[in-house]
């Protein structure tokens, strides 16, 4: 893979990891009976940002790399 493709994959993977951590935080907050509104709002923002990043990164990459990113979803 070329450098831009690798960088795009890494960036998306980092966002997916942040989403996983935020989801785990929400589960922990629920278990402890704490308010989750702010954490859920943040999760929504992270998911929306990831979707936007995928759209933006996809348009910048060569067609072959776009196909690989679509498959990775």
PDB file of N, CA and C in Angstrom:
ATOM      1  N   UNK A   1       0.828  -1.185   0.000  1.00  0.00           N
ATOM      2  CA  UNK A   1       0.000   0.000   0.000  1.00  0.00           C
ATOM      3  C   UNK A   1       0.871   1.246   0.000  1.00  0.00           C
ATOM      4  N   UNK A   2       0.364   2.261  -0.658  1.00  0.00           N
ATOM      5  CA  UNK A   2       1.111   3.506  -0.687  1.00  0.00           C
ATOM      6  C   UNK A   2       0.909   4.289   0.619  1.00  0.00           C
ATOM      7  N   UNK A   3       1.740   5.280   0.827  1.00  0.00           N
ATOM      8  CA  UNK A   3       1.721   6.041   2.083  1.00  0.00           C
ATOM      9  C   UNK A   3       0.385   6.705   2.399  1.00  0.00           C
ATOM     10  N   UNK A   4      -0.249   7.361   1.443  1.00  0.00           N
ATOM     11  CA  UNK A   4      -1.540   7.985   1.766  1.00  0.00           C
ATOM     12  C   UNK A   4      -2.596   6.959   2.192  1.00  0.00           C
ATOM     13  N   UNK A   5      -2.577   5.797   1.561  1.00  0.00           N
ATOM     14  CA  UNK A   5      -3.545   4.757   1.915  1.00  0.00           C
ATOM     15  C   UNK A   5      -3.290   4.246   3.318  1.00  0.00           C
ATOM     16  N   UNK A   6      -2.032   4.003   3.646  1.00  0.00           N
ATOM     17  CA  UNK A   6      -1.672   3.544   4.984  1.00  0.00           C
ATOM     18  C   UNK A   6      -2.072   4.585   6.029  1.00  0.00           C
ATOM     19  N   UNK A   7      -1.799   5.830   5.746  1.00  0.00           N
ATOM     20  CA  UNK A   7      -2.151   6.896   6.682  1.00  0.00           C
ATOM     21  C   UNK A   7      -3.666   6.977   6.873  1.00  0.00           C
ATOM     22  N   UNK A   8      -4.411   6.826   5.806  1.00  0.00           N
ATOM     23  CA  UNK A   8      -5.876   6.864   5.891  1.00  0.00           C
ATOM     24  C   UNK A   8      -6.394   5.715   6.742  1.00  0.00           C
ATOM     25  N   UNK A   9      -5.870   4.520   6.513  1.00  0.00           N
ATOM     26  CA  UNK A   9      -6.269   3.355   7.307  1.00  0.00           C
ATOM     27  C   UNK A   9      -5.953   3.579   8.784  1.00  0.00           C
ATOM     28  N   UNK A  10      -4.783   4.098   9.074  1.00  0.00           N
ATOM     29  CA  UNK A  10      -4.387   4.332  10.472  1.00  0.00           C
ATOM     30  C   UNK A  10      -5.296   5.359  11.135  1.00  0.00           C
ATOM     31  N   UNK A  11      -5.613   6.397  10.415  1.00  0.00           N
ATOM     32  CA  UNK A  11      -6.458   7.448  10.957  1.00  0.00           C
ATOM     33  C   UNK A  11      -7.849   6.889  11.283  1.00  0.00           C
ATOM     34  N   UNK A  12      -8.389   6.128  10.383  1.00  0.00           N
ATOM     35  CA  UNK A  12      -9.696   5.512  10.604  1.00  0.00           C
ATOM     36  C   UNK A  12      -9.633   4.525  11.765  1.00  0.00           C
ATOM     37  N   UNK A  13      -8.570   3.743  11.838  1.00  0.00           N
ATOM     38  CA  UNK A  13      -8.417   2.793  12.944  1.00  0.00           C
ATOM     39  C   UNK A  13      -8.359   3.513  14.290  1.00  0.00           C
ATOM     40  N   UNK A  14      -7.675   4.637  14.348  1.00  0.00           N
ATOM     41  CA  UNK A  14      -7.605   5.412  15.598  1.00  0.00           C
ATOM     42  C   UNK A  14      -8.984   5.895  16.019  1.00  0.00           C
ATOM     43  N   UNK A  15      -9.749   6.362  15.072  1.00  0.00           N
ATOM     44  CA  UNK A  15     -11.101   6.813  15.393  1.00  0.00           C
ATOM     45  C   UNK A  15     -11.962   5.632  15.853  1.00  0.00           C
ATOM     46  N   UNK A  16     -11.818   4.486  15.218  1.00  0.00           N
ATOM     47  CA  UNK A  16     -12.567   3.301  15.646  1.00  0.00           C
ATOM     48  C   UNK A  16     -12.190   2.910  17.071  1.00  0.00           C
ATOM     49  N   UNK A  17     -10.922   3.040  17.408  1.00  0.00           N
ATOM     50  CA  UNK A  17     -10.480   2.748  18.774  1.00  0.00           C
ATOM     51  C   UNK A  17     -11.068   3.738  19.767  1.00  0.00           C
ATOM     52  N   UNK A  18     -11.114   5.001  19.402  1.00  0.00           N
ATOM     53  CA  UNK A  18     -11.714   6.014  20.277  1.00  0.00           C
ATOM     54  C   UNK A  18     -13.191   5.709  20.506  1.00  0.00           C
ATOM     55  N   UNK A  19     -13.876   5.261  19.459  1.00  0.00           N
ATOM     56  CA  UNK A  19     -15.288   4.905  19.575  1.00  0.00           C
ATOM     57  C   UNK A  19     -15.453   3.711  20.505  1.00  0.00           C
ATOM     58  N   UNK A  20     -14.583   2.729  20.387  1.00  0.00           N
ATOM     59  CA  UNK A  20     -14.632   1.563  21.277  1.00  0.00           C
ATOM     60  C   UNK A  20     -14.429   1.981  22.731  1.00  0.00           C
ATOM     61  N   UNK A  21     -13.446   2.847  22.975  1.00  0.00           N
ATOM     62  CA  UNK A  21     -13.195   3.321  24.343  1.00  0.00           C
ATOM     63  C   UNK A  21     -14.390   4.098  24.883  1.00  0.00           C
ATOM     64  N   UNK A  22     -14.986   4.918  24.042  1.00  0.00           N
ATOM     65  CA  UNK A  22     -16.143   5.697  24.478  1.00  0.00           C
ATOM     66  C   UNK A  22     -17.323   4.772  24.779  1.00  0.00           C
ATOM     67  N   UNK A  23     -17.506   3.754  23.971  1.00  0.00           N
ATOM     68  CA  UNK A  23     -18.578   2.782  24.219  1.00  0.00           C
ATOM     69  C   UNK A  23     -18.357   2.052  25.539  1.00  0.00           C
ATOM     70  N   UNK A  24     -17.114   1.690  25.816  1.00  0.00           N
ATOM     71  CA  UNK A  24     -16.781   1.028  27.079  1.00  0.00           C
ATOM     72  C   UNK A  24     -17.041   1.960  28.258  1.00  0.00           C
ATOM     73  N   UNK A  25     -16.712   3.237  28.093  1.00  0.00           N
ATOM     74  CA  UNK A  25     -16.969   4.221  29.138  1.00  0.00           C
ATOM     75  C   UNK A  25     -18.465   4.327  29.420  1.00  0.00           C
ATOM     76  N   UNK A  26     -19.275   4.346  28.388  1.00  0.00           N
ATOM     77  CA  UNK A  26     -20.723   4.425  28.554  1.00  0.00           C
ATOM     78  C   UNK A  26     -21.240   3.212  29.316  1.00  0.00           C
ATOM     79  N   UNK A  27     -20.741   2.031  28.951  1.00  0.00           N
ATOM     80  CA  UNK A  27     -21.153   0.811  29.660  1.00  0.00           C
ATOM     81  C   UNK A  27     -20.775   0.896  31.134  1.00  0.00           C
ATOM     82  N   UNK A  28     -19.594   1.398  31.421  1.00  0.00           N
ATOM     83  CA  UNK A  28     -19.141   1.541  32.811  1.00  0.00           C
ATOM     84  C   UNK A  28     -20.008   2.551  33.572  1.00  0.00           C
ATOM     85  N   UNK A  29     -20.312   3.658  32.928  1.00  0.00           N
ATOM     86  CA  UNK A  29     -21.166   4.666  33.561  1.00  0.00           C
ATOM     87  C   UNK A  29     -22.548   4.090  33.877  1.00  0.00           C
ATOM     88  N   UNK A  30     -23.085   3.327  32.941  1.00  0.00           N
ATOM     89  CA  UNK A  30     -24.401   2.700  33.161  1.00  0.00           C
ATOM     90  C   UNK A  30     -24.353   1.715  34.330  1.00  0.00           C
ATOM     91  N   UNK A  31     -23.284   0.918  34.373  1.00  0.00           N
ATOM     92  CA  UNK A  31     -23.149  -0.061  35.468  1.00  0.00           C
ATOM     93  C   UNK A  31     -23.081   0.633  36.825  1.00  0.00           C
ATOM     94  N   UNK A  32     -22.447   1.777  36.855  1.00  0.00           N
ATOM     95  CA  UNK A  32     -22.289   2.492  38.118  1.00  0.00           C
ATOM     96  C   UNK A  32     -23.461   3.425  38.415  1.00  0.00           C
ATOM     97  N   UNK A  33     -24.439   3.466  37.524  1.00  0.00           N
ATOM     98  CA  UNK A  33     -25.627   4.272  37.737  1.00  0.00           C
ATOM     99  C   UNK A  33     -25.433   5.756  37.490  1.00  0.00           C
ATOM    100  N   UNK A  34     -24.383   6.110  36.809  1.00  0.00           N
ATOM    101  CA  UNK A  34     -24.100   7.528  36.536  1.00  0.00           C
ATOM    102  C   UNK A  34     -24.760   7.985  35.236  1.00  0.00           C
ATOM    103  N   UNK A  35     -24.856   9.284  35.097  1.00  0.00           N
ATOM    104  CA  UNK A  35     -25.449   9.902  33.920  1.00  0.00           C
ATOM    105  C   UNK A  35     -24.583   9.636  32.686  1.00  0.00           C
ATOM    106  N   UNK A  36     -25.225   9.230  31.595  1.00  0.00           N
ATOM    107  CA  UNK A  36     -24.491   8.904  30.365  1.00  0.00           C
ATOM    108  C   UNK A  36     -24.756   9.888  29.232  1.00  0.00           C
ATOM    109  N   UNK A  37     -25.559  10.892  29.467  1.00  0.00           N
ATOM    110  CA  UNK A  37     -25.976  11.800  28.385  1.00  0.00           C
ATOM    111  C   UNK A  37     -24.769  12.410  27.676  1.00  0.00           C
ATOM    112  N   UNK A  38     -23.860  12.975  28.434  1.00  0.00           N
ATOM    113  CA  UNK A  38     -22.691  13.618  27.822  1.00  0.00           C
ATOM    114  C   UNK A  38     -21.821  12.602  27.066  1.00  0.00           C
ATOM    115  N   UNK A  39     -21.638  11.431  27.648  1.00  0.00           N
ATOM    116  CA  UNK A  39     -20.820  10.396  27.012  1.00  0.00           C
ATOM    117  C   UNK A  39     -21.479   9.886  25.731  1.00  0.00           C
ATOM    118  N   UNK A  40     -22.795   9.741  25.741  1.00  0.00           N
ATOM    119  CA  UNK A  40     -23.516   9.289  24.548  1.00  0.00           C
ATOM    120  C   UNK A  40     -23.445  10.356  23.459  1.00  0.00           C
ATOM    121  N   UNK A  41     -23.570  11.620  23.858  1.00  0.00           N
ATOM    122  CA  UNK A  41     -23.441  12.699  22.869  1.00  0.00           C
ATOM    123  C   UNK A  41     -22.057  12.686  22.226  1.00  0.00           C
ATOM    124  N   UNK A  42     -21.039  12.467  23.042  1.00  0.00           N
ATOM    125  CA  UNK A  42     -19.669  12.408  22.514  1.00  0.00           C
ATOM    126  C   UNK A  42     -19.508  11.226  21.555  1.00  0.00           C
ATOM    127  N   UNK A  43     -20.097  10.092  21.907  1.00  0.00           N
ATOM    128  CA  UNK A  43     -20.041   8.914  21.034  1.00  0.00           C
ATOM    129  C   UNK A  43     -20.698   9.222  19.686  1.00  0.00           C
ATOM    130  N   UNK A  44     -21.819   9.891  19.734  1.00  0.00           N
ATOM    131  CA  UNK A  44     -22.503  10.270  18.496  1.00  0.00           C
ATOM    132  C   UNK A  44     -21.614  11.164  17.641  1.00  0.00           C
ATOM    133  N   UNK A  45     -20.972  12.137  18.280  1.00  0.00           N
ATOM    134  CA  UNK A  45     -20.059  13.022  17.552  1.00  0.00           C
ATOM    135  C   UNK A  45     -18.885  12.255  16.953  1.00  0.00           C
ATOM    136  N   UNK A  46     -18.328  11.321  17.716  1.00  0.00           N
ATOM    137  CA  UNK A  46     -17.208  10.514  17.205  1.00  0.00           C
ATOM    138  C   UNK A  46     -17.635   9.687  15.999  1.00  0.00           C
ATOM    139  N   UNK A  47     -18.797   9.082  16.077  1.00  0.00           N
ATOM    140  CA  UNK A  47     -19.293   8.277  14.943  1.00  0.00           C
ATOM    141  C   UNK A  47     -19.528   9.141  13.721  1.00  0.00           C
ATOM    142  N   UNK A  48     -20.112  10.316  13.928  1.00  0.00           N
ATOM    143  CA  UNK A  48     -20.339  11.227  12.801  1.00  0.00           C
ATOM    144  C   UNK A  48     -19.015  11.689  12.200  1.00  0.00           C
ATOM    145  N   UNK A  49     -18.043  11.973  13.060  1.00  0.00           N
ATOM    146  CA  UNK A  49     -16.725  12.382  12.571  1.00  0.00           C
ATOM    147  C   UNK A  49     -16.071  11.262  11.767  1.00  0.00           C
ATOM    148  N   UNK A  50     -16.205  10.027  12.242  1.00  0.00           N
ATOM    149  CA  UNK A  50     -15.635   8.890  11.513  1.00  0.00           C
ATOM    150  C   UNK A  50     -16.286   8.747  10.145  1.00  0.00           C
ATOM    151  N   UNK A  51     -17.598   8.863  10.098  1.00  0.00           N
ATOM    152  CA  UNK A  51     -18.288   8.786   8.809  1.00  0.00           C
ATOM    153  C   UNK A  51     -17.793   9.884   7.862  1.00  0.00           C
ATOM    154  N   UNK A  52     -17.655  11.092   8.392  1.00  0.00           N
ATOM    155  CA  UNK A  52     -17.179  12.214   7.571  1.00  0.00           C
ATOM    156  C   UNK A  52     -15.736  11.985   7.110  1.00  0.00           C
ATOM    157  N   UNK A  53     -14.890  11.458   8.019  1.00  0.00           N
ATOM    158  CA  UNK A  53     -13.503  11.173   7.631  1.00  0.00           C
ATOM    159  C   UNK A  53     -13.452  10.152   6.512  1.00  0.00           C
ATOM    160  N   UNK A  54     -14.268   9.129   6.617  1.00  0.00           N
ATOM    161  CA  UNK A  54     -14.288   8.105   5.561  1.00  0.00           C
ATOM    162  C   UNK A  54     -14.662   8.720   4.224  1.00  0.00           C
ATOM    163  N   UNK A  55     -15.669   9.586   4.245  1.00  0.00           N
ATOM    164  CA  UNK A  55     -16.099  10.236   3.004  1.00  0.00           C
ATOM    165  C   UNK A  55     -14.978  11.112   2.450  1.00  0.00           C
ATOM    166  N   UNK A  56     -14.381  11.938   3.308  1.00  0.00           N
ATOM    167  CA  UNK A  56     -13.336  12.859   2.866  1.00  0.00           C
ATOM    168  C   UNK A  56     -12.080  12.122   2.409  1.00  0.00           C
ATOM    169  N   UNK A  57     -11.634  11.154   3.186  1.00  0.00           N
ATOM    170  CA  UNK A  57     -10.431  10.408   2.829  1.00  0.00           C
ATOM    171  C   UNK A  57     -10.638   9.604   1.563  1.00  0.00           C
ATOM    172  N   UNK A  58     -11.815   9.056   1.430  1.00  0.00           N
ATOM    173  CA  UNK A  58     -12.112   8.242   0.263  1.00  0.00           C
ATOM    174  C   UNK A  58     -11.970   9.056  -1.020  1.00  0.00           C
ATOM    175  N   UNK A  59     -12.443  10.276  -0.993  1.00  0.00           N
ATOM    176  CA  UNK A  59     -12.392  11.091  -2.214  1.00  0.00           C
ATOM    177  C   UNK A  59     -10.967  11.518  -2.571  1.00  0.00           C
ATOM    178  N   UNK A  60     -10.047  11.459  -1.619  1.00  0.00           N
ATOM    179  CA  UNK A  60      -8.669  11.872  -1.867  1.00  0.00           C
ATOM    180  C   UNK A  60      -7.774  10.743  -2.378  1.00  0.00           C
ATOM    181  N   UNK A  61      -8.240   9.532  -2.238  1.00  0.00           N
ATOM    182  CA  UNK A  61      -7.406   8.375  -2.568  1.00  0.00           C
ATOM    183  C   UNK A  61      -7.642   7.892  -3.992  1.00  0.00           C
ATOM    184  N   UNK A  62      -6.641   7.207  -4.554  1.00  0.00           N
ATOM    185  CA  UNK A  62      -6.837   6.600  -5.879  1.00  0.00           C
ATOM    186  C   UNK A  62      -7.967   5.565  -5.825  1.00  0.00           C
ATOM    187  N   UNK A  63      -8.544   5.268  -6.959  1.00  0.00           N
ATOM    188  CA  UNK A  63      -9.690   4.365  -7.038  1.00  0.00           C
ATOM    189  C   UNK A  63      -9.409   3.017  -6.371  1.00  0.00           C
ATOM    190  N   UNK A  64      -8.227   2.455  -6.592  1.00  0.00           N
ATOM    191  CA  UNK A  64      -7.879   1.152  -5.998  1.00  0.00           C
ATOM    192  C   UNK A  64      -7.920   1.230  -4.471  1.00  0.00           C
ATOM    193  N   UNK A  65      -7.387   2.285  -3.917  1.00  0.00           N
ATOM    194  CA  UNK A  65      -7.386   2.464  -2.468  1.00  0.00           C
ATOM    195  C   UNK A  65      -8.803   2.709  -1.958  1.00  0.00           C
ATOM    196  N   UNK A  66      -9.630   3.404  -2.729  1.00  0.00           N
ATOM    197  CA  UNK A  66     -11.020   3.631  -2.341  1.00  0.00           C
ATOM    198  C   UNK A  66     -11.743   2.298  -2.195  1.00  0.00           C
ATOM    199  N   UNK A  67     -11.506   1.402  -3.141  1.00  0.00           N
ATOM    200  CA  UNK A  67     -12.137   0.091  -3.092  1.00  0.00           C
ATOM    201  C   UNK A  67     -11.733  -0.674  -1.830  1.00  0.00           C
ATOM    202  N   UNK A  68     -10.450  -0.587  -1.446  1.00  0.00           N
ATOM    203  CA  UNK A  68      -9.974  -1.276  -0.239  1.00  0.00           C
ATOM    204  C   UNK A  68     -10.623  -0.698   1.013  1.00  0.00           C
ATOM    205  N   UNK A  69     -10.766   0.612   1.067  1.00  0.00           N
ATOM    206  CA  UNK A  69     -11.400   1.238   2.225  1.00  0.00           C
ATOM    207  C   UNK A  69     -12.878   0.870   2.314  1.00  0.00           C
ATOM    208  N   UNK A  70     -13.542   0.808   1.185  1.00  0.00           N
ATOM    209  CA  UNK A  70     -14.962   0.411   1.196  1.00  0.00           C
ATOM    210  C   UNK A  70     -15.112  -1.005   1.709  1.00  0.00           C
ATOM    211  N   UNK A  71     -14.196  -1.885   1.313  1.00  0.00           N
ATOM    212  CA  UNK A  71     -14.235  -3.278   1.767  1.00  0.00           C
ATOM    213  C   UNK A  71     -13.957  -3.382   3.263  1.00  0.00           C
ATOM    214  N   UNK A  72     -13.147  -2.472   3.800  1.00  0.00           N
ATOM    215  CA  UNK A  72     -12.766  -2.514   5.216  1.00  0.00           C
ATOM    216  C   UNK A  72     -13.918  -2.124   6.128  1.00  0.00           C
ATOM    217  N   UNK A  73     -14.925  -1.509   5.599  1.00  0.00           N
ATOM    218  CA  UNK A  73     -16.086  -1.106   6.408  1.00  0.00           C
ATOM    219  C   UNK A  73     -16.735  -2.337   6.889  1.00  0.00           C
TER     220      UNK A  73
END
